[in-house]
Amino acid sequence: MEAEFREIDKSGAWGQVYQGIRQEAAEHNHTLKCARKPENKFRNRYRDVSPYDHSRVQLQDGDNDYINASLVEATEANRQYILAQGPLPSTIGHFWEMVWEQRTKAVVMLNRVIEKGTIKCAQYWPQGEVNGYSDELDLEETGYKVTLLEEDVRPYFTIRTYLLHRLKTNESRKVFHFHYTRWPDFGVPESPAAFLHFLQEVRNSGSLESDVGPPVVHCSAGIGRSGVFCLVDTCLVLLDKTRDLNSLNMRQLLLEMRQYRMGLIQTPDQLRFSYLAVLEGARTVLGMATEEDQVISTLGESPDLQDGHNHIVTKDEEENARDKPPPLPPRDPSRRSSKQRAQQFEFEPEDPSDTERLRERQREAELRKRRRDERISSTSEKLAEMKRKQRKTEADRERPRGLAADRETGTTSGSSSDSDVAPTLPAKRTKNERRTRNEKWTKNESKL
């Protein structure tokens, strides 16, 4: 596998390899009938990302069992994952219903709610009183309540613990929420080490084991970043079993996963990062000190990819990059025990003072964002009011002068609800009528 990575990297062929996987996966002839039903149209975030009929997750309560989520199996690694789109405002209740019904122990979120000014996912979890919001989220439509119990903010991710309560049966369960906050859309994490640290935290919670329900993994569409997470985890499980890096066939594993959900891994960059993360993880799994140390150091130095998906670092990401990823654990060249293998990705604990500073910075950033959103909302309301007044002024100009005169003298032509209706003006007299009237005045004057 290391030689394969070197060869593709040297020739700059990641675009070609990725396109080959797409073409081969396109030969799958799986149906999408349920996703394309008219009543399910508005439950899909994207028109071109739908679950296959044979692997879609089905809701158990209610009249409609559809949700945009797929059960992905890695049989050889004894792993199952539910890959889902980021919830829409109208599907938040369905999302938590799925978490309950599938006995999911953890939700793995790999995106931010807003990225580059675009909404990628609904705010489907309570943000907590410490952040100026509520600790609870009531989902009356589906009969669930989510309560925030704990939040642990790290440099690259946040771990939350929730109590998911089912109102119908008065039952409750704890659910972990692992939120990776530094993964750009269509891009890759800044460091394989930080990503592996995140993966190990998920593993340490026991949320990926076969004795609990499958984890719900999502990004925005539930195929790109979510595909990377599942592929890397599966490869490292197999590597720990076989102890042979060269036995891994990542291309074939990805094709097998694409049998369960379309489009897993969306760019050549994401494919390359998957290889890179597995090579980095192999150092710890196998206690290796070999040439791939040099391979890992090439992160960010890959040749230009041929399909134009190179990630452009934004100003925000440049500022975020100042926080260094957690250090790698020291390698033990001797044969390790099973207990050591279970701790294969353990990292040194973070300084509590650093964590507190990071929490404070995040609170300040959220406060600035909230104020900015309020200013934008206020400006929009003012613009709408200005437009309304402008339309009213233009309408007044188009009314007959008689109505304007009435308003100046304080007279009215009807009720307040009829103020926009022009009053009925007296008709002009003809020349004969004026002559007759003048003759009457003359006769009256002669009598006097």
Protein backbone atom coordinates (compact mmCIF):
# COMPACT_ATOMS: atom_id res chain seq x y z
CA MET A 1 0.00 0.00 0.00
CA GLU A 2 2.85 2.36 0.78
CA ALA A 3 4.35 1.74 -2.66
CA GLU A 4 0.95 2.34 -4.27
CA PHE A 5 0.63 5.67 -2.46
CA ARG A 6 4.12 6.75 -3.50
CA GLU A 7 3.53 5.84 -7.14
CA ILE A 8 0.21 7.69 -7.40
CA ASP A 9 1.62 10.71 -5.57
CA LYS A 10 4.74 10.83 -7.73
CA SER A 11 2.78 10.73 -10.99
CA GLY A 12 0.04 13.09 -9.77
CA ALA A 13 -2.56 10.51 -10.76
CA TRP A 14 -5.05 10.88 -7.91
CA GLY A 15 -7.59 12.37 -10.29
CA GLN A 16 -7.31 9.38 -12.62
CA VAL A 17 -7.56 6.87 -9.77
CA TYR A 18 -10.60 8.64 -8.38
CA GLN A 19 -12.34 8.77 -11.77
CA GLY A 20 -11.66 5.06 -12.24
CA ILE A 21 -13.42 4.32 -8.95
CA ARG A 22 -16.38 6.49 -9.95
CA GLN A 23 -16.75 4.77 -13.30
CA GLU A 24 -16.59 1.28 -11.82
CA ALA A 25 -19.06 2.17 -9.07
CA ALA A 26 -21.44 3.61 -11.68
CA GLU A 27 -21.97 0.07 -12.98
CA HIS A 28 -23.99 -0.72 -9.85
CA ASN A 29 -27.63 -1.12 -10.78
CA HIS A 30 -29.31 -0.29 -7.47
CA THR A 31 -32.79 1.26 -7.35
CA LEU A 32 -33.82 4.58 -5.74
CA LYS A 33 -37.61 4.23 -5.93
CA CYS A 34 -38.46 5.28 -2.38
CA ALA A 35 -36.18 8.33 -2.40
CA ARG A 36 -37.80 9.58 -5.61
CA LYS A 37 -41.40 9.38 -4.45
CA PRO A 38 -43.10 12.81 -4.56
CA GLU A 39 -43.87 12.76 -0.84
CA ASN A 40 -40.16 12.23 -0.06
CA LYS A 41 -38.81 14.93 -2.35
CA PHE A 42 -38.55 17.52 0.42
CA ARG A 43 -36.83 15.09 2.81
CA ASN A 44 -33.70 15.11 0.61
CA ARG A 45 -31.12 17.86 1.00
CA TYR A 46 -29.65 17.30 -2.48
CA ARG A 47 -31.42 16.04 -5.59
CA ASP A 48 -28.51 13.82 -6.65
CA VAL A 49 -27.75 12.13 -3.30
CA SER A 50 -30.27 9.46 -2.31
CA PRO A 51 -30.17 6.15 -0.41
CA TYR A 52 -30.50 2.89 -2.31
CA ASP A 53 -33.70 0.95 -1.65
CA HIS A 54 -31.89 -2.17 -0.46
CA SER A 55 -29.76 -0.41 2.18
CA ARG A 56 -31.85 2.57 3.28
CA VAL A 57 -32.68 2.98 6.97
CA GLN A 58 -36.43 2.75 7.59
CA LEU A 59 -38.20 4.67 10.35
CA GLN A 60 -40.53 2.54 12.45
CA ASP A 61 -43.08 5.11 13.70
CA GLY A 62 -45.43 7.25 11.66
CA ASP A 63 -46.98 6.91 8.22
CA ASN A 64 -43.78 7.59 6.26
CA ASP A 65 -40.68 5.47 6.93
CA TYR A 66 -38.31 7.47 4.70
CA ILE A 67 -35.13 9.21 5.83
CA ASN A 68 -32.04 9.96 3.74
CA ALA A 69 -29.72 7.50 5.48
CA SER A 70 -28.03 4.23 4.52
CA LEU A 71 -26.71 1.27 6.48
CA VAL A 72 -23.14 0.63 5.27
CA GLU A 73 -21.52 -2.68 6.20
CA ALA A 74 -17.86 -3.67 6.29
CA THR A 75 -18.32 -7.37 6.91
CA GLU A 76 -14.67 -8.35 7.08
CA ALA A 77 -14.00 -5.70 9.73
CA ASN A 78 -17.27 -6.48 11.59
CA ARG A 79 -18.28 -2.83 11.32
CA GLN A 80 -21.60 -1.15 10.53
CA TYR A 81 -22.22 2.55 10.01
CA ILE A 82 -25.32 4.61 9.28
CA LEU A 83 -24.33 7.32 6.81
CA ALA A 84 -26.86 10.14 6.66
CA GLN A 85 -27.30 13.59 5.20
CA GLY A 86 -27.15 16.56 7.55
CA PRO A 87 -30.68 16.99 8.96
CA LEU A 88 -33.02 19.54 7.40
CA PRO A 89 -35.19 21.71 9.69
CA SER A 90 -38.14 19.48 8.75
CA THR A 91 -36.29 16.19 9.45
CA ILE A 92 -34.70 16.89 12.85
CA GLY A 93 -37.37 14.81 14.58
CA HIS A 94 -36.87 11.96 12.10
CA PHE A 95 -33.11 12.08 12.72
CA TRP A 96 -33.41 11.61 16.48
CA GLU A 97 -36.11 8.99 15.95
CA MET A 98 -33.62 7.03 13.84
CA VAL A 99 -30.94 7.39 16.54
CA TRP A 100 -33.35 5.91 19.08
CA GLU A 101 -34.73 3.11 16.93
CA GLN A 102 -31.29 1.96 15.74
CA ARG A 103 -29.96 2.02 19.33
CA THR A 104 -27.16 4.32 18.22
CA LYS A 105 -24.65 5.21 20.91
CA ALA A 106 -22.90 8.08 19.08
CA VAL A 107 -23.53 10.63 16.37
CA VAL A 108 -20.40 11.62 14.43
CA MET A 109 -20.72 15.06 12.82
CA LEU A 110 -18.01 16.09 10.35
CA ASN A 111 -19.27 19.49 9.18
CA ARG A 112 -20.21 22.87 10.60
CA VAL A 113 -23.74 24.21 10.40
CA ILE A 114 -22.62 27.10 8.15
CA GLU A 115 -19.61 26.82 5.87
CA LYS A 116 -18.48 29.67 3.61
CA GLY A 117 -21.82 31.38 4.05
CA THR A 118 -23.87 28.31 3.08
CA ILE A 119 -26.11 26.32 5.43
CA LYS A 120 -24.85 22.73 5.41
CA CYS A 121 -26.99 21.30 8.17
CA ALA A 122 -29.81 22.28 10.51
CA GLN A 123 -29.07 23.10 14.15
CA TYR A 124 -30.46 19.77 15.34
CA TRP A 125 -28.99 19.67 18.86
CA PRO A 126 -29.42 21.97 21.90
CA GLN A 127 -26.46 24.34 22.24
CA GLY A 128 -26.69 24.81 26.00
CA GLU A 129 -27.31 27.63 28.46
CA VAL A 130 -23.56 28.25 28.81
CA ASN A 131 -23.61 29.41 25.18
CA GLY A 132 -26.70 31.56 25.64
CA TYR A 133 -29.22 28.98 24.41
CA SER A 134 -31.34 26.25 25.98
CA ASP A 135 -30.17 22.90 27.34
CA GLU A 136 -33.24 21.17 25.89
CA LEU A 137 -34.70 20.54 22.46
CA ASP A 138 -38.33 19.37 22.31
CA LEU A 139 -39.39 17.38 19.25
CA GLU A 140 -43.16 17.23 19.60
CA GLU A 141 -43.75 15.90 16.08
CA THR A 142 -41.95 12.62 16.77
CA GLY A 143 -42.23 12.56 20.57
CA TYR A 144 -38.61 12.96 21.70
CA LYS A 145 -36.66 15.38 23.86
CA VAL A 146 -32.89 15.98 23.73
CA THR A 147 -31.11 17.40 26.79
CA LEU A 148 -27.47 18.55 26.90
CA LEU A 149 -25.59 16.99 29.82
CA GLU A 150 -21.97 17.85 29.09
CA GLU A 151 -19.79 19.61 26.51
CA ASP A 152 -16.02 19.23 26.10
CA VAL A 153 -14.45 21.65 23.60
CA ARG A 154 -11.10 20.64 22.09
CA PRO A 155 -8.90 22.43 19.51
CA TYR A 156 -10.16 20.35 16.57
CA PHE A 157 -13.41 18.86 17.80
CA THR A 158 -16.09 18.99 20.49
CA ILE A 159 -17.57 16.08 22.45
CA ARG A 160 -21.09 16.47 23.79
CA THR A 161 -23.20 14.09 25.87
CA TYR A 162 -26.97 14.15 25.49
CA LEU A 163 -29.90 12.47 27.18
CA LEU A 164 -32.36 11.29 24.52
CA HIS A 165 -35.81 10.85 26.06
CA ARG A 166 -38.71 9.07 24.38
CA LEU A 167 -41.92 10.62 25.64
CA LYS A 168 -44.23 7.77 24.63
CA THR A 169 -42.52 5.18 26.85
CA ASN A 170 -40.76 7.56 29.28
CA GLU A 171 -37.40 5.90 28.47
CA SER A 172 -34.05 7.68 28.24
CA ARG A 173 -30.59 6.91 26.84
CA LYS A 174 -27.26 8.71 26.75
CA VAL A 175 -25.97 9.58 23.29
CA PHE A 176 -22.52 10.96 22.46
CA HIS A 177 -22.09 13.70 19.87
CA PHE A 178 -18.59 13.81 18.34
CA HIS A 179 -18.29 17.00 16.31
CA TYR A 180 -15.18 17.54 14.16
CA THR A 181 -15.02 21.31 13.62
CA ARG A 182 -12.01 21.77 11.32
CA TRP A 183 -12.90 19.77 8.22
CA PRO A 184 -13.56 22.00 5.16
CA ASP A 185 -16.26 21.00 2.68
CA PHE A 186 -14.75 19.19 -0.34
CA GLY A 187 -11.40 19.46 1.44
CA VAL A 188 -9.41 17.46 3.98
CA PRO A 189 -8.40 17.95 7.63
CA GLU A 190 -5.25 19.91 8.31
CA SER A 191 -3.55 16.94 9.95
CA PRO A 192 -3.92 13.14 9.89
CA ALA A 193 -2.81 13.13 13.54
CA ALA A 194 -5.70 15.36 14.64
CA PHE A 195 -8.16 13.25 12.66
CA LEU A 196 -6.80 10.01 14.16
CA HIS A 197 -7.05 11.54 17.61
CA PHE A 198 -10.72 12.28 16.89
CA LEU A 199 -11.29 8.75 15.58
CA GLN A 200 -9.71 7.28 18.70
CA GLU A 201 -11.99 9.33 20.94
CA VAL A 202 -14.98 7.86 19.10
CA ARG A 203 -13.51 4.36 19.50
CA ASN A 204 -12.78 4.86 23.20
CA SER A 205 -16.47 5.56 23.83
CA GLY A 206 -17.35 2.06 22.59
CA SER A 207 -19.69 3.56 20.00
CA LEU A 208 -18.23 1.60 17.07
CA GLU A 209 -18.42 -1.84 18.65
CA SER A 210 -20.75 -4.56 17.38
CA ASP A 211 -22.62 -4.90 20.71
CA VAL A 212 -24.30 -1.49 20.27
CA GLY A 213 -26.25 0.06 17.44
CA PRO A 214 -24.35 1.46 14.45
CA PRO A 215 -23.04 5.02 14.80
CA VAL A 216 -24.76 7.70 12.75
CA VAL A 217 -22.07 9.44 10.68
CA HIS A 218 -22.99 12.55 8.73
CA CYS A 219 -21.61 15.60 6.99
CA SER A 220 -23.79 17.67 4.65
CA ALA A 221 -24.61 15.07 1.98
CA GLY A 222 -23.42 12.07 4.00
CA ILE A 223 -21.03 10.78 1.34
CA GLY A 224 -17.76 12.78 1.19
CA ARG A 225 -16.29 13.37 4.63
CA SER A 226 -18.50 10.60 6.03
CA GLY A 227 -17.01 8.19 3.49
CA VAL A 228 -13.47 9.10 4.55
CA PHE A 229 -14.25 8.48 8.23
CA CYS A 230 -15.72 5.03 7.61
CA LEU A 231 -13.05 3.93 5.13
CA VAL A 232 -10.15 4.91 7.41
CA ASP A 233 -11.72 3.26 10.47
CA THR A 234 -12.43 0.05 8.54
CA CYS A 235 -8.89 -0.11 7.14
CA LEU A 236 -7.32 0.34 10.57
CA VAL A 237 -9.53 -2.40 12.04
CA LEU A 238 -8.41 -4.78 9.28
CA LEU A 239 -4.80 -3.71 9.71
CA ASP A 240 -4.94 -4.54 13.41
CA LYS A 241 -6.29 -7.99 12.51
CA THR A 242 -3.91 -8.89 9.68
CA ARG A 243 -0.82 -6.99 10.90
CA ASP A 244 0.05 -6.61 7.22
CA LEU A 245 -0.09 -3.19 5.58
CA ASN A 246 0.37 -4.62 2.08
CA SER A 247 -2.74 -6.79 2.44
CA LEU A 248 -5.00 -3.73 2.48
CA ASN A 249 -6.81 -2.96 -0.77
CA MET A 250 -8.37 0.42 -0.07
CA ARG A 251 -9.70 0.81 -3.59
CA GLN A 252 -11.65 -2.43 -3.35
CA LEU A 253 -12.93 -1.61 0.14
CA LEU A 254 -14.25 1.73 -1.09
CA LEU A 255 -15.99 0.07 -4.04
CA GLU A 256 -17.66 -2.39 -1.65
CA MET A 257 -18.86 0.46 0.57
CA ARG A 258 -20.28 2.25 -2.46
CA GLN A 259 -22.58 -0.74 -2.92
CA TYR A 260 -24.47 0.51 0.16
CA ARG A 261 -24.42 4.29 -0.41
CA MET A 262 -23.65 6.22 -3.56
CA GLY A 263 -20.73 8.59 -4.04
CA LEU A 264 -18.67 7.78 -0.95
CA ILE A 265 -15.58 10.05 -0.99
CA GLN A 266 -16.23 12.99 -3.28
CA THR A 267 -12.83 14.27 -4.39
CA PRO A 268 -9.30 13.04 -5.23
CA ASP A 269 -8.08 15.08 -2.23
CA GLN A 270 -10.31 13.09 0.11
CA LEU A 271 -9.12 9.82 -1.43
CA ARG A 272 -5.48 10.80 -0.95
CA PHE A 273 -6.12 11.85 2.64
CA SER A 274 -7.73 8.47 3.36
CA TYR A 275 -4.54 6.70 2.23
CA LEU A 276 -2.44 9.15 4.21
CA ALA A 277 -4.44 8.67 7.42
CA VAL A 278 -4.19 4.88 7.16
CA LEU A 279 -0.41 5.09 6.66
CA GLU A 280 -0.16 7.39 9.68
CA GLY A 281 -2.35 5.05 11.74
CA ALA A 282 -0.21 2.09 10.69
CA ARG A 283 2.75 3.60 12.54
CA THR A 284 0.88 3.13 15.80
CA VAL A 285 -1.02 -0.06 15.00
CA LEU A 286 2.10 -1.90 13.87
CA GLY A 287 4.67 0.03 15.93
CA MET A 288 6.35 0.93 12.66
CA ALA A 289 9.39 3.18 12.23
CA THR A 290 9.83 2.74 8.52
CA GLU A 291 10.03 4.84 5.41
CA GLU A 292 6.44 5.98 5.52
CA ASP A 293 7.51 8.54 8.12
CA GLN A 294 8.77 10.42 5.07
CA VAL A 295 5.48 9.81 3.27
CA ILE A 296 3.47 11.31 6.12
CA SER A 297 5.61 14.44 6.08
CA THR A 298 4.44 15.17 2.53
CA LEU A 299 0.95 16.27 3.67
CA GLY A 300 0.10 19.43 1.79
CA GLU A 301 2.76 18.78 -0.86
CA SER A 302 0.75 16.58 -3.20
CA PRO A 303 1.00 17.34 -6.91
CA ASP A 304 -1.77 19.32 -8.55
CA LEU A 305 -4.85 17.15 -8.91
CA GLN A 306 -6.25 16.87 -12.39
CA ASP A 307 -9.94 17.48 -11.73
CA GLY A 308 -9.67 20.91 -10.17
CA HIS A 309 -10.61 19.93 -6.59
CA ASN A 310 -7.53 21.41 -4.92
CA HIS A 311 -8.56 22.98 -1.64
CA ILE A 312 -8.08 26.75 -1.36
CA VAL A 313 -7.33 27.73 2.23
CA THR A 314 -9.66 30.48 3.46
CA LYS A 315 -8.71 33.19 5.92
CA ASP A 316 -10.65 31.47 8.72
CA GLU A 317 -8.92 28.17 8.05
CA GLU A 318 -5.55 29.92 8.02
CA GLU A 319 -6.26 31.35 11.47
CA ASN A 320 -7.54 27.99 12.72
CA ALA A 321 -4.35 26.29 11.54
CA ARG A 322 -2.36 28.10 14.22
CA ASP A 323 -3.56 25.55 16.77
CA LYS A 324 -1.21 22.62 16.41
CA PRO A 325 -2.69 19.12 16.38
CA PRO A 326 -2.24 16.85 19.39
CA PRO A 327 1.16 15.11 19.52
CA LEU A 328 1.54 11.55 18.33
CA PRO A 329 2.10 8.86 20.97
CA PRO A 330 5.60 7.44 21.34
CA ARG A 331 6.13 4.23 19.37
CA ASP A 332 7.04 1.07 21.24
CA PRO A 333 9.33 -1.10 19.06
CA SER A 334 8.73 -4.18 21.21
CA ARG A 335 5.76 -6.50 20.76
CA ARG A 336 2.71 -4.97 22.42
CA SER A 337 0.06 -6.59 24.56
CA SER A 338 -3.62 -6.62 23.68
CA LYS A 339 -4.16 -3.81 26.21
CA GLN A 340 -1.57 -1.70 24.41
CA ARG A 341 -3.22 -2.40 21.05
CA ALA A 342 -6.55 -1.30 22.49
CA GLN A 343 -4.88 2.02 23.27
CA GLN A 344 -3.31 2.26 19.83
CA PHE A 345 -4.18 5.90 19.23
CA GLU A 346 -3.82 7.31 22.74
CA PHE A 347 -2.47 10.87 22.82
CA GLU A 348 -1.01 13.00 25.56
CA PRO A 349 -3.65 14.86 27.57
CA GLU A 350 -4.20 18.50 26.74
CA ASP A 351 -3.36 21.33 29.11
CA PRO A 352 -6.59 22.24 30.99
CA SER A 353 -5.75 25.94 30.78
CA ASP A 354 -5.46 25.65 26.98
CA THR A 355 -8.85 23.97 26.83
CA GLU A 356 -10.41 26.73 28.94
CA ARG A 357 -8.92 29.40 26.67
CA LEU A 358 -10.24 27.57 23.64
CA ARG A 359 -13.70 27.37 25.19
CA GLU A 360 -13.61 31.10 25.92
CA ARG A 361 -12.54 31.85 22.35
CA GLN A 362 -15.34 29.69 20.98
CA ARG A 363 -17.91 31.44 23.19
CA GLU A 364 -16.63 34.83 22.00
CA ALA A 365 -16.79 33.70 18.37
CA GLU A 366 -20.35 32.43 18.81
CA LEU A 367 -21.34 35.72 20.48
CA ARG A 368 -19.85 37.70 17.57
CA LYS A 369 -21.67 35.48 15.10
CA ARG A 370 -24.96 35.88 16.98
CA ARG A 371 -24.58 39.67 16.99
CA ARG A 372 -23.68 39.67 13.31
CA ASP A 373 -26.78 37.58 12.52
CA GLU A 374 -28.91 39.99 14.55
CA ARG A 375 -27.50 42.97 12.63
CA ILE A 376 -28.19 41.24 9.33
CA SER A 377 -31.74 40.44 10.43
CA SER A 378 -32.31 44.03 11.60
CA THR A 379 -30.96 45.43 8.33
CA SER A 380 -33.23 43.15 6.33
CA GLU A 381 -36.26 44.31 8.31
CA LYS A 382 -35.33 47.96 7.79
CA LEU A 383 -34.91 47.43 4.04
CA ALA A 384 -38.30 45.73 3.86
CA GLU A 385 -39.91 48.66 5.73
CA MET A 386 -38.24 51.18 3.38
CA LYS A 387 -39.51 49.30 0.34
CA ARG A 388 -43.02 49.21 1.81
CA LYS A 389 -43.00 52.96 2.40
CA GLN A 390 -41.65 53.58 -1.09
CA ARG A 391 -44.43 51.50 -2.66
CA LYS A 392 -47.00 53.40 -0.55
CA THR A 393 -45.60 56.77 -1.66
CA GLU A 394 -45.69 55.74 -5.31
CA ALA A 395 -49.28 54.57 -4.93
CA ASP A 396 -50.26 57.92 -3.38
CA ARG A 397 -48.78 59.78 -6.33
CA GLU A 398 -50.92 57.80 -8.76
CA ARG A 399 -54.23 58.62 -7.00
CA PRO A 400 -56.54 61.49 -8.27
CA ARG A 401 -55.90 64.97 -6.87
CA GLY A 402 -59.34 65.00 -5.30
CA LEU A 403 -58.28 62.32 -2.84
CA ALA A 404 -55.22 64.32 -1.87
CA ALA A 405 -57.41 67.40 -1.34
CA ASP A 406 -59.76 65.40 0.86
CA ARG A 407 -56.84 64.28 3.00
CA GLU A 408 -55.55 67.85 3.36
CA THR A 409 -58.97 69.15 4.48
CA GLY A 410 -59.57 66.17 6.78
CA THR A 411 -62.61 64.90 4.89
CA THR A 412 -63.04 61.21 4.10
CA SER A 413 -64.69 59.29 1.31
CA GLY A 414 -65.44 56.08 3.24
CA SER A 415 -64.28 53.87 6.08
CA SER A 416 -60.59 53.49 7.08
CA SER A 417 -60.45 50.20 5.27
CA ASP A 418 -61.43 51.95 2.07
CA SER A 419 -58.79 54.67 2.27
CA ASP A 420 -57.05 53.34 -0.84
CA VAL A 421 -60.23 53.74 -2.97
CA ALA A 422 -60.57 57.08 -4.86
CA PRO A 423 -63.73 59.08 -3.97
CA THR A 424 -66.51 59.62 -6.53
CA LEU A 425 -66.08 63.12 -8.05
CA PRO A 426 -69.02 65.18 -9.46
CA ALA A 427 -69.40 64.95 -13.23
CA LYS A 428 -68.61 68.03 -15.35
CA ARG A 429 -71.67 70.06 -16.57
CA THR A 430 -72.28 70.44 -20.27
CA LYS A 431 -72.51 73.83 -22.01
CA ASN A 432 -76.35 73.65 -22.28
CA GLU A 433 -76.65 72.85 -18.56
CA ARG A 434 -74.51 75.89 -17.71
CA ARG A 435 -76.65 78.11 -20.02
CA THR A 436 -79.90 76.91 -18.42
CA ARG A 437 -78.47 77.52 -14.96
CA ASN A 438 -77.41 81.07 -15.90
CA GLU A 439 -80.90 81.82 -17.27
CA LYS A 440 -82.47 80.70 -13.97
CA TRP A 441 -80.15 83.04 -12.04
CA THR A 442 -81.11 85.93 -14.38
CA LYS A 443 -84.88 85.32 -13.85
CA ASN A 444 -84.44 85.14 -10.10
CA GLU A 445 -82.50 88.40 -10.07
CA SER A 446 -85.25 90.12 -12.16
CA LYS A 447 -87.87 89.01 -9.62
CA LEU A 448 -85.85 90.54 -6.87
